């Protein structure tokens, strides 16, 4: 039996949430806003260990993965605790990486995201904060979604994905560049969050 709780306990964070230490079975593959993600040696799984103070987020995300069990669009969850969860390792490129590396995002991929979000809504969830970094294009050409902690927020309808789809209408045109520098993508995301989204919210209030 895998001692995932022991692996989670081996992770020590610095004051700035950088990783000071982790068991040798854990290979760091990313750090986000609320957690660090490790590939587990010898397994096709990852462990997401949440920063101190984010235990509520850990519990929320584990519950959401359980609600979405069996869907082809979401990883399975194998274990969870106060500050961690263990899910499938998803091989592929995020939509952000696809855009920055020139990998074409096709209409069928957009449609699959819509289908995935439909599955979540049919199971009583309210998908929010859907962005380029939590949608993965797998090698088999299908999409999978990760980082679901904000899929059950009690808030006004989140239009972020709808706005991204509007941008895709220009992206698929032949004249539009298919490779966009990461700095430009980050700048656009910053402006969206800090200017456009807030302005639209005020108009709808």
N, C-alpha and C. Protein backbone atom coordinates (compact mmCIF):
# COMPACT_ATOMS: atom_id res chain seq x y z
N UNK A 1 0.84 -1.20 0.00
CA UNK A 1 0.00 0.00 0.00
C UNK A 1 0.87 1.25 0.00
N UNK A 2 0.50 2.23 -0.82
CA UNK A 2 1.29 3.44 -0.93
C UNK A 2 1.04 4.36 0.26
N UNK A 3 2.12 4.87 0.83
CA UNK A 3 2.01 5.79 1.96
C UNK A 3 2.07 7.21 1.44
N UNK A 4 0.98 7.65 0.81
CA UNK A 4 0.96 8.99 0.25
C UNK A 4 1.02 10.05 1.34
N UNK A 5 0.40 9.78 2.48
CA UNK A 5 0.43 10.76 3.56
C UNK A 5 1.86 10.99 4.04
N UNK A 6 2.65 9.92 4.07
CA UNK A 6 4.05 10.06 4.47
C UNK A 6 4.83 10.88 3.47
N UNK A 7 4.54 10.69 2.17
CA UNK A 7 5.21 11.49 1.15
C UNK A 7 4.83 12.96 1.30
N UNK A 8 3.56 13.22 1.58
CA UNK A 8 3.12 14.61 1.75
C UNK A 8 3.81 15.25 2.95
N UNK A 9 3.95 14.47 4.02
CA UNK A 9 4.60 14.99 5.22
C UNK A 9 6.08 15.29 5.01
N UNK A 10 6.68 14.65 4.00
CA UNK A 10 8.10 14.87 3.73
C UNK A 10 8.37 16.22 3.08
N UNK A 11 7.32 16.85 2.56
CA UNK A 11 7.48 18.12 1.84
C UNK A 11 7.55 19.27 2.84
N UNK A 12 8.63 20.04 2.72
CA UNK A 12 8.82 21.20 3.58
C UNK A 12 8.95 22.45 2.71
N UNK A 13 8.15 23.45 3.03
CA UNK A 13 8.16 24.69 2.25
C UNK A 13 8.95 25.78 2.98
N UNK A 14 9.55 26.66 2.18
CA UNK A 14 10.19 27.84 2.71
C UNK A 14 9.12 28.91 2.95
N UNK A 15 9.52 30.03 3.51
CA UNK A 15 8.58 31.10 3.78
C UNK A 15 7.92 31.65 2.53
N UNK A 16 8.62 31.58 1.38
CA UNK A 16 8.05 32.07 0.12
C UNK A 16 7.38 30.95 -0.66
N UNK A 17 7.15 29.79 0.01
CA UNK A 17 6.49 28.63 -0.57
C UNK A 17 7.33 27.91 -1.63
N UNK A 18 8.62 28.19 -1.66
CA UNK A 18 9.49 27.33 -2.46
C UNK A 18 9.71 26.04 -1.67
N UNK A 19 10.08 24.96 -2.38
CA UNK A 19 10.22 23.66 -1.74
C UNK A 19 11.64 23.50 -1.19
N UNK A 20 11.74 23.32 0.12
CA UNK A 20 13.04 23.10 0.75
C UNK A 20 13.44 21.63 0.73
N UNK A 21 12.45 20.76 0.87
CA UNK A 21 12.75 19.33 0.95
C UNK A 21 11.54 18.50 0.55
N UNK A 22 11.80 17.35 -0.06
CA UNK A 22 10.75 16.37 -0.37
C UNK A 22 11.40 15.00 -0.46
N UNK A 23 10.64 13.96 -0.21
CA UNK A 23 11.16 12.59 -0.28
C UNK A 23 11.71 12.31 -1.68
N UNK A 24 12.64 11.38 -1.76
CA UNK A 24 13.28 11.06 -3.04
C UNK A 24 12.28 10.52 -4.06
N UNK A 25 11.16 9.99 -3.58
CA UNK A 25 10.13 9.47 -4.50
C UNK A 25 9.35 10.58 -5.18
N UNK A 26 9.55 11.82 -4.74
CA UNK A 26 8.78 12.96 -5.25
C UNK A 26 9.65 13.85 -6.13
N UNK A 27 9.26 14.01 -7.37
CA UNK A 27 9.99 14.87 -8.30
C UNK A 27 9.14 16.10 -8.60
N UNK A 28 9.63 17.28 -8.20
CA UNK A 28 8.87 18.51 -8.38
C UNK A 28 8.69 18.83 -9.86
N UNK A 29 7.43 19.05 -10.27
CA UNK A 29 7.17 19.39 -11.67
C UNK A 29 6.48 20.75 -11.82
N UNK A 30 6.06 21.36 -10.72
CA UNK A 30 5.43 22.66 -10.84
C UNK A 30 4.99 23.23 -9.51
N UNK A 31 4.92 24.56 -9.45
CA UNK A 31 4.44 25.26 -8.26
C UNK A 31 3.40 26.27 -8.71
N UNK A 32 2.23 26.22 -8.07
CA UNK A 32 1.15 27.13 -8.43
C UNK A 32 0.84 28.12 -7.34
N UNK A 33 -0.38 28.66 -7.36
CA UNK A 33 -0.77 29.68 -6.40
C UNK A 33 -1.03 29.12 -5.01
N UNK A 34 -1.38 27.84 -4.94
CA UNK A 34 -1.74 27.29 -3.63
C UNK A 34 -1.05 25.97 -3.31
N UNK A 35 -0.26 25.43 -4.24
CA UNK A 35 0.32 24.11 -4.00
C UNK A 35 1.52 23.85 -4.90
N UNK A 36 2.29 22.85 -4.51
CA UNK A 36 3.38 22.32 -5.35
C UNK A 36 2.95 20.95 -5.84
N UNK A 37 3.37 20.60 -7.05
CA UNK A 37 2.96 19.33 -7.66
C UNK A 37 4.19 18.47 -7.92
N UNK A 38 4.10 17.20 -7.51
CA UNK A 38 5.22 16.27 -7.63
C UNK A 38 4.80 15.04 -8.42
N UNK A 39 5.65 14.61 -9.34
CA UNK A 39 5.47 13.31 -9.99
C UNK A 39 5.99 12.25 -9.04
N UNK A 40 5.20 11.20 -8.81
CA UNK A 40 5.58 10.15 -7.89
C UNK A 40 6.38 9.09 -8.64
N UNK A 41 7.58 8.83 -8.17
CA UNK A 41 8.49 7.90 -8.83
C UNK A 41 7.87 6.52 -9.00
N UNK A 42 7.97 5.98 -10.23
CA UNK A 42 7.48 4.65 -10.51
C UNK A 42 5.98 4.54 -10.67
N UNK A 43 5.27 5.66 -10.64
CA UNK A 43 3.81 5.64 -10.78
C UNK A 43 3.37 6.70 -11.78
N UNK A 44 2.25 6.45 -12.41
CA UNK A 44 1.69 7.42 -13.35
C UNK A 44 0.72 8.34 -12.61
N UNK A 45 1.21 8.87 -11.49
CA UNK A 45 0.40 9.72 -10.63
C UNK A 45 1.22 10.93 -10.18
N UNK A 46 0.49 11.98 -9.80
CA UNK A 46 1.12 13.15 -9.21
C UNK A 46 0.49 13.41 -7.85
N UNK A 47 1.25 14.03 -6.99
CA UNK A 47 0.75 14.43 -5.68
C UNK A 47 0.80 15.95 -5.59
N UNK A 48 -0.32 16.54 -5.26
CA UNK A 48 -0.41 17.98 -5.11
C UNK A 48 -0.40 18.28 -3.62
N UNK A 49 0.66 18.95 -3.15
CA UNK A 49 0.79 19.28 -1.74
C UNK A 49 0.54 20.77 -1.56
N UNK A 50 -0.46 21.10 -0.76
CA UNK A 50 -0.90 22.49 -0.60
C UNK A 50 -0.07 23.21 0.46
N UNK A 51 0.12 24.49 0.24
CA UNK A 51 0.87 25.32 1.18
C UNK A 51 0.13 25.41 2.51
N UNK A 52 0.85 25.66 3.60
CA UNK A 52 0.20 25.89 4.89
C UNK A 52 -0.84 27.00 4.78
N UNK A 53 -2.01 26.77 5.36
CA UNK A 53 -3.09 27.75 5.28
C UNK A 53 -4.06 27.50 4.14
N UNK A 54 -3.75 26.50 3.28
CA UNK A 54 -4.62 26.19 2.14
C UNK A 54 -5.30 24.84 2.29
N UNK A 55 -5.48 24.40 3.53
CA UNK A 55 -6.11 23.10 3.77
C UNK A 55 -7.56 23.07 3.25
N UNK A 56 -8.27 24.17 3.35
CA UNK A 56 -9.64 24.21 2.84
C UNK A 56 -9.67 24.00 1.34
N UNK A 57 -8.70 24.58 0.64
CA UNK A 57 -8.62 24.39 -0.82
C UNK A 57 -8.33 22.94 -1.16
N UNK A 58 -7.46 22.29 -0.38
CA UNK A 58 -7.13 20.87 -0.61
C UNK A 58 -8.38 20.02 -0.49
N UNK A 59 -9.16 20.24 0.55
CA UNK A 59 -10.39 19.47 0.76
C UNK A 59 -11.39 19.73 -0.35
N UNK A 60 -11.55 20.98 -0.72
CA UNK A 60 -12.50 21.36 -1.77
C UNK A 60 -12.16 20.71 -3.10
N UNK A 61 -10.88 20.77 -3.47
CA UNK A 61 -10.48 20.21 -4.76
C UNK A 61 -10.64 18.69 -4.79
N UNK A 62 -10.31 18.02 -3.68
CA UNK A 62 -10.48 16.57 -3.61
C UNK A 62 -11.95 16.19 -3.79
N UNK A 63 -12.83 16.92 -3.14
CA UNK A 63 -14.26 16.64 -3.27
C UNK A 63 -14.75 16.83 -4.70
N UNK A 64 -14.24 17.85 -5.38
CA UNK A 64 -14.64 18.11 -6.76
C UNK A 64 -14.17 16.99 -7.68
N UNK A 65 -12.93 16.53 -7.50
CA UNK A 65 -12.45 15.41 -8.32
C UNK A 65 -13.31 14.17 -8.10
N UNK A 66 -13.73 13.93 -6.87
CA UNK A 66 -14.59 12.78 -6.59
C UNK A 66 -15.94 12.92 -7.30
N UNK A 67 -16.48 14.13 -7.32
CA UNK A 67 -17.76 14.36 -8.01
C UNK A 67 -17.65 14.11 -9.51
N UNK A 68 -16.46 14.30 -10.05
CA UNK A 68 -16.26 14.14 -11.50
C UNK A 68 -15.69 12.78 -11.87
N UNK A 69 -15.67 11.87 -10.91
CA UNK A 69 -15.12 10.53 -11.15
C UNK A 69 -15.78 9.85 -12.34
N UNK A 70 -14.95 9.23 -13.17
CA UNK A 70 -15.45 8.49 -14.33
C UNK A 70 -15.50 9.29 -15.61
N UNK A 71 -15.32 10.61 -15.53
CA UNK A 71 -15.33 11.42 -16.75
C UNK A 71 -13.97 11.36 -17.43
N UNK A 72 -13.98 11.25 -18.74
CA UNK A 72 -12.74 11.20 -19.51
C UNK A 72 -12.00 12.54 -19.52
N UNK A 73 -12.68 13.59 -19.09
CA UNK A 73 -12.10 14.93 -19.16
C UNK A 73 -11.36 15.34 -17.89
N UNK A 74 -11.42 14.51 -16.85
CA UNK A 74 -10.81 14.88 -15.57
C UNK A 74 -10.01 13.71 -15.01
N UNK A 75 -8.87 13.99 -14.36
CA UNK A 75 -8.07 12.92 -13.75
C UNK A 75 -8.85 12.25 -12.62
N UNK A 76 -8.51 10.99 -12.35
CA UNK A 76 -9.06 10.29 -11.20
C UNK A 76 -8.27 10.68 -9.96
N UNK A 77 -8.93 10.68 -8.81
CA UNK A 77 -8.26 10.97 -7.55
C UNK A 77 -8.11 9.65 -6.79
N UNK A 78 -6.91 9.39 -6.26
CA UNK A 78 -6.61 8.12 -5.62
C UNK A 78 -6.49 8.24 -4.10
N UNK A 79 -6.14 9.39 -3.62
CA UNK A 79 -6.00 9.59 -2.19
C UNK A 79 -6.01 11.08 -1.91
N UNK A 80 -6.36 11.44 -0.69
CA UNK A 80 -6.32 12.84 -0.29
C UNK A 80 -6.20 12.91 1.22
N UNK A 81 -5.69 14.04 1.70
CA UNK A 81 -5.54 14.28 3.13
C UNK A 81 -5.74 15.74 3.43
N UNK A 82 -5.36 16.14 4.62
CA UNK A 82 -5.57 17.53 5.03
C UNK A 82 -4.91 18.54 4.10
N UNK A 83 -3.75 18.16 3.54
CA UNK A 83 -3.02 19.14 2.73
C UNK A 83 -2.52 18.57 1.40
N UNK A 84 -3.10 17.47 0.95
CA UNK A 84 -2.62 16.88 -0.31
C UNK A 84 -3.72 16.10 -1.01
N UNK A 85 -3.49 15.84 -2.30
CA UNK A 85 -4.32 14.90 -3.05
C UNK A 85 -3.45 14.24 -4.10
N UNK A 86 -3.82 13.03 -4.50
CA UNK A 86 -3.08 12.25 -5.48
C UNK A 86 -4.01 11.96 -6.65
N UNK A 87 -3.59 12.36 -7.85
CA UNK A 87 -4.40 12.18 -9.05
C UNK A 87 -3.54 11.61 -10.18
N UNK A 88 -4.19 11.29 -11.30
CA UNK A 88 -3.47 10.83 -12.48
C UNK A 88 -2.46 11.87 -12.95
N UNK A 89 -1.32 11.39 -13.43
CA UNK A 89 -0.39 12.27 -14.13
C UNK A 89 -0.90 12.42 -15.56
N UNK A 90 -1.11 13.64 -16.00
CA UNK A 90 -1.64 13.90 -17.34
C UNK A 90 -0.50 14.38 -18.24
N UNK A 91 -0.14 13.56 -19.19
CA UNK A 91 0.91 13.93 -20.14
C UNK A 91 0.33 14.84 -21.21
N UNK A 92 1.08 15.85 -21.58
CA UNK A 92 0.62 16.73 -22.65
C UNK A 92 1.09 18.16 -22.44
N UNK A 93 0.48 19.06 -23.18
CA UNK A 93 0.82 20.48 -23.14
C UNK A 93 -0.42 21.28 -22.72
N UNK A 94 -0.23 22.25 -21.83
CA UNK A 94 -1.34 23.15 -21.52
C UNK A 94 -1.64 24.01 -22.75
N UNK A 95 -2.83 24.56 -22.79
CA UNK A 95 -3.16 25.47 -23.89
C UNK A 95 -2.17 26.63 -23.93
N UNK A 96 -1.71 27.07 -22.75
CA UNK A 96 -0.71 28.15 -22.69
C UNK A 96 0.56 27.71 -23.42
N UNK A 97 1.03 26.49 -23.14
CA UNK A 97 2.24 25.98 -23.79
C UNK A 97 2.02 25.81 -25.29
N UNK A 98 0.82 25.35 -25.67
CA UNK A 98 0.52 25.19 -27.10
C UNK A 98 0.66 26.52 -27.83
N UNK A 99 0.09 27.57 -27.26
CA UNK A 99 0.16 28.87 -27.91
C UNK A 99 1.58 29.41 -27.96
N UNK A 100 2.33 29.23 -26.88
CA UNK A 100 3.68 29.78 -26.84
C UNK A 100 4.66 28.97 -27.68
N UNK A 101 4.32 27.70 -27.96
CA UNK A 101 5.21 26.83 -28.75
C UNK A 101 4.74 26.64 -30.18
N UNK A 102 3.60 27.21 -30.53
CA UNK A 102 3.12 27.11 -31.90
C UNK A 102 2.36 25.83 -32.22
N UNK A 103 1.88 25.13 -31.20
CA UNK A 103 1.06 23.93 -31.40
C UNK A 103 -0.38 24.39 -31.60
N UNK A 104 -0.97 24.05 -32.72
CA UNK A 104 -2.28 24.58 -33.09
C UNK A 104 -3.40 24.00 -32.21
N UNK A 105 -4.22 24.89 -31.68
CA UNK A 105 -5.43 24.50 -30.95
C UNK A 105 -6.58 24.52 -31.94
N UNK A 106 -7.21 23.38 -32.14
CA UNK A 106 -8.25 23.25 -33.16
C UNK A 106 -9.65 23.43 -32.57
N UNK A 107 -10.62 23.59 -33.47
CA UNK A 107 -12.01 23.76 -33.04
C UNK A 107 -12.48 22.58 -32.20
N UNK A 108 -12.06 21.37 -32.55
CA UNK A 108 -12.50 20.19 -31.79
C UNK A 108 -12.01 20.25 -30.34
N UNK A 109 -10.86 20.88 -30.12
CA UNK A 109 -10.34 21.00 -28.76
C UNK A 109 -11.20 21.99 -27.95
N UNK A 110 -11.62 23.07 -28.59
CA UNK A 110 -12.51 24.04 -27.94
C UNK A 110 -13.83 23.36 -27.59
N UNK A 111 -14.34 22.56 -28.52
CA UNK A 111 -15.61 21.86 -28.29
C UNK A 111 -15.49 20.87 -27.13
N UNK A 112 -14.35 20.22 -27.01
CA UNK A 112 -14.17 19.27 -25.91
C UNK A 112 -14.14 19.98 -24.55
N UNK A 113 -13.55 21.17 -24.51
CA UNK A 113 -13.57 21.94 -23.26
C UNK A 113 -15.01 22.27 -22.89
N UNK A 114 -15.80 22.69 -23.87
CA UNK A 114 -17.22 22.97 -23.62
C UNK A 114 -17.92 21.73 -23.08
N UNK A 115 -17.61 20.58 -23.68
CA UNK A 115 -18.23 19.33 -23.23
C UNK A 115 -17.81 19.00 -21.80
N UNK A 116 -16.53 19.21 -21.50
CA UNK A 116 -16.03 18.94 -20.14
C UNK A 116 -16.72 19.83 -19.12
N UNK A 117 -16.89 21.10 -19.45
CA UNK A 117 -17.57 22.02 -18.54
C UNK A 117 -19.04 21.65 -18.38
N UNK A 118 -19.63 21.13 -19.46
CA UNK A 118 -21.01 20.66 -19.39
C UNK A 118 -21.15 19.49 -18.43
N UNK A 119 -20.18 18.58 -18.44
CA UNK A 119 -20.18 17.44 -17.51
C UNK A 119 -20.15 17.96 -16.07
N UNK A 120 -19.29 18.94 -15.82
CA UNK A 120 -19.17 19.49 -14.46
C UNK A 120 -20.49 20.14 -14.03
N UNK A 121 -21.11 20.90 -14.92
CA UNK A 121 -22.38 21.55 -14.55
C UNK A 121 -23.47 20.52 -14.29
N UNK A 122 -23.49 19.46 -15.07
CA UNK A 122 -24.50 18.41 -14.88
C UNK A 122 -24.33 17.67 -13.56
N UNK A 123 -23.16 17.79 -12.97
CA UNK A 123 -22.91 17.15 -11.67
C UNK A 123 -22.98 18.15 -10.51
N UNK A 124 -23.62 19.27 -10.79
CA UNK A 124 -23.89 20.24 -9.74
C UNK A 124 -22.79 21.24 -9.47
N UNK A 125 -21.79 21.30 -10.34
CA UNK A 125 -20.68 22.22 -10.14
C UNK A 125 -20.89 23.51 -10.95
N UNK A 126 -20.10 24.51 -10.60
CA UNK A 126 -20.19 25.81 -11.28
C UNK A 126 -18.77 26.21 -11.69
N UNK A 127 -18.30 25.68 -12.83
CA UNK A 127 -16.91 25.92 -13.24
C UNK A 127 -16.54 27.40 -13.28
N UNK A 128 -15.38 27.70 -12.70
CA UNK A 128 -14.88 29.06 -12.64
C UNK A 128 -13.38 29.03 -12.83
N UNK A 129 -12.82 30.17 -13.22
CA UNK A 129 -11.37 30.31 -13.37
C UNK A 129 -10.80 29.32 -14.39
N UNK A 130 -11.50 29.18 -15.51
CA UNK A 130 -11.02 28.30 -16.60
C UNK A 130 -10.08 29.12 -17.48
N UNK A 131 -8.81 28.74 -17.49
CA UNK A 131 -7.82 29.52 -18.23
C UNK A 131 -6.86 28.60 -18.98
N UNK A 132 -5.90 29.20 -19.67
CA UNK A 132 -5.02 28.45 -20.57
C UNK A 132 -4.13 27.44 -19.87
N UNK A 133 -3.87 27.63 -18.58
CA UNK A 133 -2.94 26.76 -17.88
C UNK A 133 -3.61 25.55 -17.22
N UNK A 134 -4.95 25.53 -17.16
CA UNK A 134 -5.57 24.35 -16.57
C UNK A 134 -6.32 23.49 -17.58
N UNK A 135 -6.01 23.69 -18.84
CA UNK A 135 -6.52 22.83 -19.92
C UNK A 135 -5.31 22.18 -20.60
N UNK A 136 -5.29 20.86 -20.62
CA UNK A 136 -4.15 20.13 -21.19
C UNK A 136 -4.56 19.41 -22.48
N UNK A 137 -3.77 19.60 -23.53
CA UNK A 137 -3.95 18.86 -24.77
C UNK A 137 -3.04 17.64 -24.71
N UNK A 138 -3.63 16.46 -24.67
CA UNK A 138 -2.87 15.22 -24.52
C UNK A 138 -2.30 14.76 -25.87
N UNK A 139 -1.31 13.87 -25.86
CA UNK A 139 -0.73 13.37 -27.11
C UNK A 139 -1.74 12.70 -28.02
N UNK A 140 -2.85 12.17 -27.46
CA UNK A 140 -3.85 11.51 -28.30
C UNK A 140 -4.82 12.50 -28.94
N UNK A 141 -4.60 13.81 -28.70
CA UNK A 141 -5.42 14.83 -29.33
C UNK A 141 -6.66 15.22 -28.57
N UNK A 142 -6.86 14.67 -27.38
CA UNK A 142 -8.01 15.03 -26.57
C UNK A 142 -7.58 15.92 -25.41
N UNK A 143 -8.55 16.60 -24.80
CA UNK A 143 -8.22 17.53 -23.72
C UNK A 143 -8.60 16.94 -22.37
N UNK A 144 -7.92 17.43 -21.34
CA UNK A 144 -8.24 17.09 -19.96
C UNK A 144 -8.04 18.34 -19.13
N UNK A 145 -8.84 18.48 -18.08
CA UNK A 145 -8.78 19.67 -17.25
C UNK A 145 -8.28 19.34 -15.85
N UNK A 146 -7.50 20.26 -15.29
CA UNK A 146 -6.92 20.09 -13.96
C UNK A 146 -7.14 21.37 -13.14
N UNK A 147 -6.69 21.35 -11.88
CA UNK A 147 -6.80 22.51 -10.99
C UNK A 147 -8.25 22.98 -10.88
N UNK A 148 -9.04 22.20 -10.16
CA UNK A 148 -10.49 22.40 -10.16
C UNK A 148 -11.04 23.03 -8.89
N UNK A 149 -10.20 23.58 -8.05
CA UNK A 149 -10.65 24.09 -6.76
C UNK A 149 -11.72 25.15 -6.87
N UNK A 150 -11.77 25.87 -8.00
CA UNK A 150 -12.76 26.94 -8.15
C UNK A 150 -13.95 26.51 -8.99
N UNK A 151 -14.22 25.20 -9.02
CA UNK A 151 -15.35 24.69 -9.79
C UNK A 151 -16.65 24.66 -8.98
N UNK A 152 -16.62 25.17 -7.75
CA UNK A 152 -17.83 25.15 -6.93
C UNK A 152 -18.00 26.47 -6.19
N UNK A 153 -17.55 27.54 -6.81
CA UNK A 153 -17.66 28.84 -6.17
C UNK A 153 -19.06 29.40 -6.34
N UNK A 154 -19.57 29.98 -5.27
CA UNK A 154 -20.88 30.61 -5.30
C UNK A 154 -20.70 32.06 -5.72
N UNK A 155 -20.62 32.27 -7.02
CA UNK A 155 -20.38 33.61 -7.54
C UNK A 155 -21.15 33.81 -8.83
N UNK A 156 -21.15 35.04 -9.31
CA UNK A 156 -21.77 35.35 -10.59
C UNK A 156 -21.08 34.54 -11.69
N UNK A 157 -21.82 34.19 -12.73
CA UNK A 157 -21.29 33.38 -13.82
C UNK A 157 -19.93 33.90 -14.29
N UNK A 158 -18.97 33.02 -14.33
CA UNK A 158 -17.61 33.37 -14.74
C UNK A 158 -17.51 33.29 -16.26
N UNK A 159 -17.21 34.40 -16.91
CA UNK A 159 -17.19 34.46 -18.37
C UNK A 159 -15.80 34.28 -18.96
N UNK A 160 -14.83 33.89 -18.16
CA UNK A 160 -13.46 33.83 -18.65
C UNK A 160 -13.31 32.89 -19.84
N UNK A 161 -13.91 31.70 -19.75
CA UNK A 161 -13.80 30.76 -20.87
C UNK A 161 -14.55 31.29 -22.10
N UNK A 162 -15.70 31.89 -21.89
CA UNK A 162 -16.43 32.47 -23.03
C UNK A 162 -15.61 33.54 -23.72
N UNK A 163 -14.90 34.35 -22.94
CA UNK A 163 -14.06 35.39 -23.53
C UNK A 163 -12.87 34.79 -24.29
N UNK A 164 -12.31 33.70 -23.76
CA UNK A 164 -11.22 33.02 -24.47
C UNK A 164 -11.71 32.46 -25.80
N UNK A 165 -12.93 31.94 -25.81
CA UNK A 165 -13.49 31.42 -27.07
C UNK A 165 -13.68 32.53 -28.09
N UNK A 166 -14.03 33.71 -27.63
CA UNK A 166 -14.17 34.84 -28.55
C UNK A 166 -12.82 35.16 -29.20
N UNK A 167 -11.77 35.08 -28.41
CA UNK A 167 -10.43 35.32 -28.96
C UNK A 167 -10.06 34.26 -29.98
N UNK A 168 -10.54 33.01 -29.77
CA UNK A 168 -10.22 31.92 -30.70
C UNK A 168 -10.78 32.20 -32.10
N UNK A 169 -11.87 32.95 -32.18
CA UNK A 169 -12.45 33.28 -33.48
C UNK A 169 -11.45 34.03 -34.35
N UNK A 170 -10.55 34.78 -33.73
CA UNK A 170 -9.50 35.47 -34.47
C UNK A 170 -8.29 34.56 -34.64
N UNK A 171 -8.00 33.79 -33.63
CA UNK A 171 -6.83 32.90 -33.64
C UNK A 171 -6.87 31.93 -34.82
N UNK A 172 -8.05 31.42 -35.16
CA UNK A 172 -8.09 30.39 -36.20
C UNK A 172 -8.00 30.97 -37.62
N UNK A 173 -8.03 32.29 -37.74
CA UNK A 173 -7.87 32.92 -39.05
C UNK A 173 -6.44 32.73 -39.54
N UNK A 174 -6.27 32.61 -40.83
CA UNK A 174 -4.95 32.32 -41.41
C UNK A 174 -3.94 33.42 -41.13
N UNK A 175 -4.40 34.65 -40.98
CA UNK A 175 -3.48 35.77 -40.78
C UNK A 175 -3.01 35.89 -39.32
N UNK A 176 -3.66 35.19 -38.42
CA UNK A 176 -3.33 35.33 -37.00
C UNK A 176 -2.16 34.42 -36.66
N UNK A 177 -1.14 34.91 -35.95
CA UNK A 177 0.03 34.07 -35.61
C UNK A 177 -0.37 32.92 -34.70
N UNK A 178 0.18 31.74 -34.98
CA UNK A 178 -0.14 30.56 -34.17
C UNK A 178 0.87 30.35 -33.05
N UNK A 179 1.95 31.14 -33.06
CA UNK A 179 2.94 31.08 -31.99
C UNK A 179 3.02 32.46 -31.35
N UNK A 180 2.66 32.51 -30.06
CA UNK A 180 2.59 33.77 -29.35
C UNK A 180 3.55 33.75 -28.17
N UNK A 181 4.45 34.71 -28.04
CA UNK A 181 5.41 34.70 -26.93
C UNK A 181 4.72 34.61 -25.58
N UNK A 182 5.33 33.85 -24.67
CA UNK A 182 4.77 33.67 -23.34
C UNK A 182 4.56 35.01 -22.64
N UNK A 183 5.50 35.95 -22.84
CA UNK A 183 5.38 37.26 -22.21
C UNK A 183 4.11 37.99 -22.67
N UNK A 184 3.77 37.83 -23.94
CA UNK A 184 2.56 38.47 -24.47
C UNK A 184 1.31 37.82 -23.87
N UNK A 185 1.34 36.49 -23.73
CA UNK A 185 0.20 35.78 -23.13
C UNK A 185 0.02 36.18 -21.67
N UNK A 186 1.14 36.29 -20.94
CA UNK A 186 1.06 36.70 -19.54
C UNK A 186 0.54 38.14 -19.41
N UNK A 187 0.99 38.99 -20.33
CA UNK A 187 0.53 40.37 -20.32
C UNK A 187 -0.96 40.48 -20.59
N UNK A 188 -1.44 39.68 -21.55
CA UNK A 188 -2.87 39.69 -21.87
C UNK A 188 -3.69 39.18 -20.69
N UNK A 189 -3.19 38.14 -20.01
CA UNK A 189 -3.90 37.59 -18.84
C UNK A 189 -3.95 38.62 -17.72
N UNK A 190 -2.86 39.35 -17.53
CA UNK A 190 -2.82 40.38 -16.49
C UNK A 190 -3.83 41.49 -16.77
N UNK A 191 -3.86 41.94 -18.01
CA UNK A 191 -4.79 43.01 -18.38
C UNK A 191 -6.23 42.54 -18.24
N UNK A 192 -6.49 41.30 -18.62
CA UNK A 192 -7.84 40.76 -18.53
C UNK A 192 -8.31 40.75 -17.08
N UNK A 193 -7.48 40.21 -16.20
CA UNK A 193 -7.85 40.08 -14.79
C UNK A 193 -7.96 41.42 -14.08
N UNK A 194 -7.07 42.32 -14.40
CA UNK A 194 -6.98 43.56 -13.64
C UNK A 194 -7.72 44.74 -14.26
N UNK A 195 -8.06 44.65 -15.54
CA UNK A 195 -8.76 45.77 -16.17
C UNK A 195 -10.10 45.35 -16.77
N UNK A 196 -10.05 44.50 -17.76
CA UNK A 196 -11.26 44.14 -18.50
C UNK A 196 -12.30 43.46 -17.63
N UNK A 197 -11.90 42.40 -16.89
CA UNK A 197 -12.86 41.65 -16.09
C UNK A 197 -13.50 42.52 -15.02
N UNK A 198 -12.71 43.39 -14.37
CA UNK A 198 -13.24 44.26 -13.33
C UNK A 198 -14.18 45.31 -13.93
N UNK A 199 -13.82 45.83 -15.11
CA UNK A 199 -14.66 46.84 -15.75
C UNK A 199 -16.02 46.25 -16.13
N UNK A 200 -16.02 45.05 -16.70
CA UNK A 200 -17.27 44.40 -17.09
C UNK A 200 -18.11 44.09 -15.86
N UNK A 201 -17.48 43.67 -14.77
CA UNK A 201 -18.21 43.37 -13.54
C UNK A 201 -18.93 44.60 -13.01
N UNK A 202 -18.26 45.75 -13.10
CA UNK A 202 -18.87 47.00 -12.62
C UNK A 202 -20.07 47.37 -13.48
N UNK A 203 -19.97 47.14 -14.79
CA UNK A 203 -21.07 47.48 -15.69
C UNK A 203 -22.29 46.58 -15.44
N UNK A 204 -22.02 45.33 -15.03
CA UNK A 204 -23.12 44.39 -14.80
C UNK A 204 -23.72 44.53 -13.41
N UNK A 205 -23.02 45.24 -12.53
CA UNK A 205 -23.51 45.38 -11.14
C UNK A 205 -24.78 46.24 -11.08
